[in-house]
Amino acid sequence: MLDTVCQRPPRRIVARTLAFGISALVAAALLTWSPAVASGWNQGAAEGTLWQLLNGARANNGMAPLQQHSTLVGLARWRSADMLAQDYFSHTIAGCGCLVYTYYDSNGLSYVWAGENIGWNSGLDDNASAVRVHEAFMASSGHRANVLNRAFTHGGVGAAAADNQMFQGYVQNTRMYTELFLQAPAAAPAPAPAPAPAPAPAPAPA
């Protein structure tokens, strides 16, 4: 299970604009695995469970819920599917050597902070799989910090499954999960009202 966070200055939403930030990667050996045969896994239900647990954890700690962002959902689904398809587990994306924030930029996302949690497990049914990965995230300081980051305003989760195939040489029926986060730039302050015009001088008496 891995987490990453990225800080950068806010930027305008401009396609192909290149921006660089500092990323910190923290690895934690918290894979939740069971040899039982998986049954009944459903992508939408798994994602819905993980999203509810994520925002539930924030609410339980006095934080506002994240707003779901459709672009982050799409990227999270792609990240999970890509790791299974290319048989890797890393924040560094196979084939490009970049982090997911490169795809934030290419999709026109504007942000101040961003983060990513990734995790997988095997052999669990639909609801149990998402619950177990959330529990593992919350038991890891780096992943928990992303979930409970007060600065983050938007998020998206994505899940993918690989049935009846090996993952990294030894696990079958793997379920992969990605949580993506961002802090949207603050809205620009409203312009100050224009000063009231000076009153016209009263005409002098004749």
C-alpha atoms as a PDB file:
ATOM      1  CA  MET A   1       0.000   0.000   0.000  1.00  0.00           C
ATOM      2  CA  LEU A   2       1.479   3.347  -0.993  1.00  0.00           C
ATOM      3  CA  ASP A   3       0.681   7.029  -0.606  1.00  0.00           C
ATOM      4  CA  THR A   4       2.039  10.193  -2.140  1.00  0.00           C
ATOM      5  CA  VAL A   5       1.445  13.911  -1.789  1.00  0.00           C
ATOM      6  CA  CYS A   6       2.333  16.819  -4.043  1.00  0.00           C
ATOM      7  CA  GLN A   7       2.433  20.555  -3.345  1.00  0.00           C
ATOM      8  CA  ARG A   8       2.590  23.191  -6.023  1.00  0.00           C
ATOM      9  CA  PRO A   9       1.611  26.791  -6.576  1.00  0.00           C
ATOM     10  CA  PRO A  10      -1.886  27.268  -7.973  1.00  0.00           C
ATOM     11  CA  ARG A  11      -2.044  27.713 -11.708  1.00  0.00           C
ATOM     12  CA  ARG A  12      -4.623  28.551 -14.285  1.00  0.00           C
ATOM     13  CA  ILE A  13      -6.252  25.724 -16.146  1.00  0.00           C
ATOM     14  CA  VAL A  14      -4.125  25.774 -19.266  1.00  0.00           C
ATOM     15  CA  ALA A  15      -3.630  22.634 -21.314  1.00  0.00           C
ATOM     16  CA  ARG A  16      -0.032  21.464 -21.721  1.00  0.00           C
ATOM     17  CA  THR A  17       1.286  23.901 -19.120  1.00  0.00           C
ATOM     18  CA  LEU A  18       4.186  22.203 -17.339  1.00  0.00           C
ATOM     19  CA  ALA A  19       4.506  22.577 -13.592  1.00  0.00           C
ATOM     20  CA  PHE A  20       6.805  20.916 -11.098  1.00  0.00           C
ATOM     21  CA  GLY A  21       6.199  20.098  -7.462  1.00  0.00           C
ATOM     22  CA  ILE A  22       7.739  18.207  -4.602  1.00  0.00           C
ATOM     23  CA  SER A  23       6.402  14.686  -4.073  1.00  0.00           C
ATOM     24  CA  ALA A  24       6.972  12.491  -1.038  1.00  0.00           C
ATOM     25  CA  LEU A  25       6.499   8.749  -1.373  1.00  0.00           C
ATOM     26  CA  VAL A  26       5.921   6.537   1.657  1.00  0.00           C
ATOM     27  CA  ALA A  27       5.738   2.750   1.361  1.00  0.00           C
ATOM     28  CA  ALA A  28       3.936   0.574   3.880  1.00  0.00           C
ATOM     29  CA  ALA A  29       3.655  -3.214   3.831  1.00  0.00           C
ATOM     30  CA  LEU A  30      -0.048  -3.344   4.658  1.00  0.00           C
ATOM     31  CA  LEU A  31      -1.451  -5.544   1.892  1.00  0.00           C
ATOM     32  CA  THR A  32      -4.580  -7.307   3.091  1.00  0.00           C
ATOM     33  CA  TRP A  33      -4.646 -10.761   1.536  1.00  0.00           C
ATOM     34  CA  SER A  34      -6.703 -13.905   1.989  1.00  0.00           C
ATOM     35  CA  PRO A  35      -6.459 -17.121  -0.060  1.00  0.00           C
ATOM     36  CA  ALA A  36     -10.232 -17.547  -0.232  1.00  0.00           C
ATOM     37  CA  VAL A  37     -11.928 -17.475  -3.639  1.00  0.00           C
ATOM     38  CA  ALA A  38     -13.367 -14.063  -4.474  1.00  0.00           C
ATOM     39  CA  SER A  39     -17.045 -13.852  -5.326  1.00  0.00           C
ATOM     40  CA  GLY A  40     -19.494 -11.148  -6.261  1.00  0.00           C
ATOM     41  CA  TRP A  41     -17.041  -8.295  -6.775  1.00  0.00           C
ATOM     42  CA  ASN A  42     -18.651  -5.256  -8.388  1.00  0.00           C
ATOM     43  CA  GLN A  43     -16.706  -2.136  -9.356  1.00  0.00           C
ATOM     44  CA  GLY A  44     -19.433   0.404  -8.660  1.00  0.00           C
ATOM     45  CA  ALA A  45     -20.345  -1.072  -5.279  1.00  0.00           C
ATOM     46  CA  ALA A  46     -16.693  -1.310  -4.220  1.00  0.00           C
ATOM     47  CA  GLU A  47     -16.035   2.297  -5.217  1.00  0.00           C
ATOM     48  CA  GLY A  48     -19.191   3.481  -3.479  1.00  0.00           C
ATOM     49  CA  THR A  49     -18.234   1.705  -0.263  1.00  0.00           C
ATOM     50  CA  LEU A  50     -14.703   3.120  -0.277  1.00  0.00           C
ATOM     51  CA  TRP A  51     -15.955   6.640  -1.005  1.00  0.00           C
ATOM     52  CA  GLN A  52     -18.489   6.492   1.833  1.00  0.00           C
ATOM     53  CA  LEU A  53     -15.832   5.204   4.233  1.00  0.00           C
ATOM     54  CA  LEU A  54     -13.396   7.931   3.172  1.00  0.00           C
ATOM     55  CA  ASN A  55     -15.877  10.744   3.761  1.00  0.00           C
ATOM     56  CA  GLY A  56     -17.188   9.017   6.874  1.00  0.00           C
ATOM     57  CA  ALA A  57     -13.688   9.087   8.352  1.00  0.00           C
ATOM     58  CA  ARG A  58     -13.461  12.793   7.596  1.00  0.00           C
ATOM     59  CA  ALA A  59     -16.860  13.473   9.188  1.00  0.00           C
ATOM     60  CA  ASN A  60     -15.891  11.491  12.285  1.00  0.00           C
ATOM     61  CA  ASN A  61     -12.860  13.745  12.639  1.00  0.00           C
ATOM     62  CA  GLY A  62     -14.800  17.001  12.257  1.00  0.00           C
ATOM     63  CA  MET A  63     -13.895  17.639   8.627  1.00  0.00           C
ATOM     64  CA  ALA A  64     -15.945  18.613   5.626  1.00  0.00           C
ATOM     65  CA  PRO A  65     -16.545  15.810   3.114  1.00  0.00           C
ATOM     66  CA  LEU A  66     -14.641  15.813  -0.133  1.00  0.00           C
ATOM     67  CA  GLN A  67     -16.576  16.771  -3.231  1.00  0.00           C
ATOM     68  CA  GLN A  68     -16.457  14.039  -5.848  1.00  0.00           C
ATOM     69  CA  HIS A  69     -14.618  15.177  -8.978  1.00  0.00           C
ATOM     70  CA  SER A  70     -15.432  13.278 -12.172  1.00  0.00           C
ATOM     71  CA  THR A  71     -11.948  13.763 -13.653  1.00  0.00           C
ATOM     72  CA  LEU A  72     -10.336  12.352 -10.504  1.00  0.00           C
ATOM     73  CA  VAL A  73     -12.730   9.384 -10.591  1.00  0.00           C
ATOM     74  CA  GLY A  74     -11.726   8.668 -14.183  1.00  0.00           C
ATOM     75  CA  LEU A  75      -8.021   8.960 -13.397  1.00  0.00           C
ATOM     76  CA  ALA A  76      -8.365   6.767 -10.302  1.00  0.00           C
ATOM     77  CA  ARG A  77     -10.125   4.048 -12.307  1.00  0.00           C
ATOM     78  CA  TRP A  78      -7.459   4.234 -14.979  1.00  0.00           C
ATOM     79  CA  ARG A  79      -4.639   4.026 -12.409  1.00  0.00           C
ATOM     80  CA  SER A  80      -6.124   0.923 -10.788  1.00  0.00           C
ATOM     81  CA  ALA A  81      -6.748  -0.806 -14.117  1.00  0.00           C
ATOM     82  CA  ASP A  82      -3.313   0.152 -15.470  1.00  0.00           C
ATOM     83  CA  MET A  83      -1.453  -1.336 -12.495  1.00  0.00           C
ATOM     84  CA  LEU A  84      -3.282  -4.634 -12.938  1.00  0.00           C
ATOM     85  CA  ALA A  85      -2.896  -4.682 -16.718  1.00  0.00           C
ATOM     86  CA  GLN A  86       0.832  -3.912 -16.600  1.00  0.00           C
ATOM     87  CA  ASP A  87       1.503  -5.952 -13.440  1.00  0.00           C
ATOM     88  CA  TYR A  88       3.072  -3.285 -11.221  1.00  0.00           C
ATOM     89  CA  PHE A  89       2.278  -1.526  -7.947  1.00  0.00           C
ATOM     90  CA  SER A  90       3.826   1.919  -7.717  1.00  0.00           C
ATOM     91  CA  HIS A  91       3.134   5.636  -7.777  1.00  0.00           C
ATOM     92  CA  THR A  92       5.581   5.793 -10.690  1.00  0.00           C
ATOM     93  CA  ILE A  93       3.473   4.970 -13.724  1.00  0.00           C
ATOM     94  CA  ALA A  94       4.818   2.215 -15.967  1.00  0.00           C
ATOM     95  CA  GLY A  95       5.804   3.352 -19.431  1.00  0.00           C
ATOM     96  CA  CYS A  96       6.161   7.053 -18.638  1.00  0.00           C
ATOM     97  CA  GLY A  97       8.150   7.155 -15.397  1.00  0.00           C
ATOM     98  CA  CYS A  98       5.895   9.946 -14.130  1.00  0.00           C
ATOM     99  CA  LEU A  99       3.497  10.405 -11.237  1.00  0.00           C
ATOM    100  CA  VAL A 100      -0.253  10.813 -11.583  1.00  0.00           C
ATOM    101  CA  TYR A 101       0.089  14.593 -11.213  1.00  0.00           C
ATOM    102  CA  THR A 102       1.342  14.711 -14.802  1.00  0.00           C
ATOM    103  CA  TYR A 103      -2.146  13.536 -15.749  1.00  0.00           C
ATOM    104  CA  TYR A 104      -3.733  16.119 -13.467  1.00  0.00           C
ATOM    105  CA  ASP A 105      -1.965  18.703 -15.619  1.00  0.00           C
ATOM    106  CA  SER A 106      -2.830  17.136 -18.967  1.00  0.00           C
ATOM    107  CA  ASN A 107      -6.488  16.964 -17.918  1.00  0.00           C
ATOM    108  CA  GLY A 108      -6.546  20.658 -17.019  1.00  0.00           C
ATOM    109  CA  LEU A 109      -6.834  20.289 -13.238  1.00  0.00           C
ATOM    110  CA  SER A 110      -5.829  23.289 -11.165  1.00  0.00           C
ATOM    111  CA  TYR A 111      -4.692  22.559  -7.612  1.00  0.00           C
ATOM    112  CA  VAL A 112      -2.527  23.663  -4.694  1.00  0.00           C
ATOM    113  CA  TRP A 113      -2.040  20.285  -2.988  1.00  0.00           C
ATOM    114  CA  ALA A 114      -2.676  16.821  -4.360  1.00  0.00           C
ATOM    115  CA  GLY A 115      -2.329  13.284  -3.067  1.00  0.00           C
ATOM    116  CA  GLU A 116      -2.697   9.639  -4.010  1.00  0.00           C
ATOM    117  CA  ASN A 117      -3.318   6.440  -2.018  1.00  0.00           C
ATOM    118  CA  ILE A 118      -3.049   3.047  -3.721  1.00  0.00           C
ATOM    119  CA  GLY A 119      -3.719  -0.392  -2.276  1.00  0.00           C
ATOM    120  CA  TRP A 120      -4.782  -3.887  -3.216  1.00  0.00           C
ATOM    121  CA  ASN A 121      -6.107  -7.084  -1.707  1.00  0.00           C
ATOM    122  CA  SER A 122      -7.272 -10.492  -2.873  1.00  0.00           C
ATOM    123  CA  GLY A 123      -9.809 -13.179  -2.070  1.00  0.00           C
ATOM    124  CA  LEU A 124     -12.526 -11.013  -0.524  1.00  0.00           C
ATOM    125  CA  ASP A 125     -16.083 -10.335  -1.632  1.00  0.00           C
ATOM    126  CA  ASP A 126     -17.246  -6.955  -2.909  1.00  0.00           C
ATOM    127  CA  ASN A 127     -18.008  -5.097   0.305  1.00  0.00           C
ATOM    128  CA  ALA A 128     -15.310  -6.733   2.448  1.00  0.00           C
ATOM    129  CA  SER A 129     -12.571  -5.897  -0.057  1.00  0.00           C
ATOM    130  CA  ALA A 130     -13.226  -2.151   0.010  1.00  0.00           C
ATOM    131  CA  VAL A 131     -13.650  -2.150   3.796  1.00  0.00           C
ATOM    132  CA  ARG A 132     -10.359  -3.950   4.327  1.00  0.00           C
ATOM    133  CA  VAL A 133      -8.396  -1.609   2.076  1.00  0.00           C
ATOM    134  CA  HIS A 134      -9.896   1.404   3.878  1.00  0.00           C
ATOM    135  CA  GLU A 135      -8.931  -0.109   7.229  1.00  0.00           C
ATOM    136  CA  ALA A 136      -5.379  -0.587   5.965  1.00  0.00           C
ATOM    137  CA  PHE A 137      -5.234   3.011   4.725  1.00  0.00           C
ATOM    138  CA  MET A 138      -6.399   4.309   8.102  1.00  0.00           C
ATOM    139  CA  ALA A 139      -3.852   2.140   9.945  1.00  0.00           C
ATOM    140  CA  SER A 140      -0.971   3.718   7.992  1.00  0.00           C
ATOM    141  CA  SER A 141       0.118   7.220   8.995  1.00  0.00           C
ATOM    142  CA  GLY A 142       0.848   8.387   5.451  1.00  0.00           C
ATOM    143  CA  HIS A 143      -2.410   7.112   3.959  1.00  0.00           C
ATOM    144  CA  ARG A 144      -4.417   8.372   6.927  1.00  0.00           C
ATOM    145  CA  ALA A 145      -2.840  11.812   6.516  1.00  0.00           C
ATOM    146  CA  ASN A 146      -4.148  11.984   2.949  1.00  0.00           C
ATOM    147  CA  VAL A 147      -7.654  10.857   3.949  1.00  0.00           C
ATOM    148  CA  LEU A 148      -7.780  13.375   6.823  1.00  0.00           C
ATOM    149  CA  ASN A 149      -5.995  16.266   5.132  1.00  0.00           C
ATOM    150  CA  ARG A 150      -8.114  19.335   5.908  1.00  0.00           C
ATOM    151  CA  ALA A 151      -6.720  21.147   2.879  1.00  0.00           C
ATOM    152  CA  PHE A 152      -8.147  18.687   0.355  1.00  0.00           C
ATOM    153  CA  THR A 153     -11.445  19.763  -1.172  1.00  0.00           C
ATOM    154  CA  HIS A 154     -12.076  17.227  -3.951  1.00  0.00           C
ATOM    155  CA  GLY A 155     -11.453  13.551  -4.514  1.00  0.00           C
ATOM    156  CA  GLY A 156     -12.217  10.462  -6.503  1.00  0.00           C
ATOM    157  CA  VAL A 157     -11.804   6.729  -6.013  1.00  0.00           C
ATOM    158  CA  GLY A 158     -11.376   4.026  -8.616  1.00  0.00           C
ATOM    159  CA  ALA A 159     -11.295   0.241  -8.382  1.00  0.00           C
ATOM    160  CA  ALA A 160     -10.358  -2.521 -10.796  1.00  0.00           C
ATOM    161  CA  ALA A 161     -10.350  -6.322 -10.668  1.00  0.00           C
ATOM    162  CA  ALA A 162      -8.188  -9.059 -12.159  1.00  0.00           C
ATOM    163  CA  ASP A 163      -9.929 -12.427 -11.910  1.00  0.00           C
ATOM    164  CA  ASN A 164      -8.225 -15.760 -12.566  1.00  0.00           C
ATOM    165  CA  GLN A 165      -4.856 -14.218 -13.340  1.00  0.00           C
ATOM    166  CA  MET A 166      -1.636 -13.729 -11.446  1.00  0.00           C
ATOM    167  CA  PHE A 167      -0.581 -10.351 -10.070  1.00  0.00           C
ATOM    168  CA  GLN A 168       3.142  -9.846  -9.501  1.00  0.00           C
ATOM    169  CA  GLY A 169       3.679 -13.559  -9.866  1.00  0.00           C
ATOM    170  CA  TYR A 170       1.740 -15.003  -6.970  1.00  0.00           C
ATOM    171  CA  VAL A 171      -1.722 -13.547  -6.265  1.00  0.00           C
ATOM    172  CA  GLN A 172      -4.970 -14.303  -8.080  1.00  0.00           C
ATOM    173  CA  ASN A 173      -8.286 -12.409  -8.057  1.00  0.00           C
ATOM    174  CA  THR A 174      -6.695  -9.093  -7.131  1.00  0.00           C
ATOM    175  CA  ARG A 175      -8.702  -5.945  -6.390  1.00  0.00           C
ATOM    176  CA  MET A 176      -6.819  -2.680  -6.889  1.00  0.00           C
ATOM    177  CA  TYR A 177      -7.892   0.663  -5.392  1.00  0.00           C
ATOM    178  CA  THR A 178      -6.781   4.236  -5.993  1.00  0.00           C
ATOM    179  CA  GLU A 179      -7.809   7.329  -4.036  1.00  0.00           C
ATOM    180  CA  LEU A 180      -6.952  10.708  -5.568  1.00  0.00           C
ATOM    181  CA  PHE A 181      -7.150  14.056  -3.804  1.00  0.00           C
ATOM    182  CA  LEU A 182      -6.694  17.728  -4.560  1.00  0.00           C
ATOM    183  CA  GLN A 183      -7.053  21.115  -2.943  1.00  0.00           C
ATOM    184  CA  ALA A 184      -8.659  23.499  -5.390  1.00  0.00           C
ATOM    185  CA  PRO A 185      -7.231  27.024  -5.509  1.00  0.00           C
ATOM    186  CA  ALA A 186      -9.225  29.518  -3.479  1.00  0.00           C
ATOM    187  CA  ALA A 187     -11.639  31.622  -5.467  1.00  0.00           C
ATOM    188  CA  ALA A 188     -10.283  35.010  -6.424  1.00  0.00           C
ATOM    189  CA  PRO A 189     -11.439  37.733  -4.018  1.00  0.00           C
ATOM    190  CA  ALA A 190     -14.278  39.895  -5.230  1.00  0.00           C
ATOM    191  CA  PRO A 191     -13.100  43.229  -6.577  1.00  0.00           C
ATOM    192  CA  ALA A 192     -13.469  46.188  -4.253  1.00  0.00           C
ATOM    193  CA  PRO A 193     -16.557  48.280  -5.028  1.00  0.00           C
ATOM    194  CA  ALA A 194     -15.923  51.393  -7.050  1.00  0.00           C
ATOM    195  CA  PRO A 195     -15.852  54.544  -4.918  1.00  0.00           C
ATOM    196  CA  ALA A 196     -19.056  56.547  -4.945  1.00  0.00           C
ATOM    197  CA  PRO A 197     -18.795  59.640  -7.144  1.00  0.00           C
ATOM    198  CA  ALA A 198     -18.378  62.920  -5.327  1.00  0.00           C
ATOM    199  CA  PRO A 199     -21.642  64.880  -5.137  1.00  0.00           C
ATOM    200  CA  ALA A 200     -21.966  67.690  -7.647  1.00  0.00           C
ATOM    201  CA  PRO A 201     -21.584  71.122  -6.056  1.00  0.00           C
ATOM    202  CA  ALA A 202     -24.840  72.911  -5.378  1.00  0.00           C
ATOM    203  CA  PRO A 203     -25.409  75.907  -7.687  1.00  0.00           C
ATOM    204  CA  ALA A 204     -24.622  79.228  -6.093  1.00  0.00           C
ATOM    205  CA  PRO A 205     -27.687  81.422  -5.406  1.00  0.00           C
ATOM    206  CA  ALA A 206     -28.275  84.169  -7.990  1.00  0.00           C
END
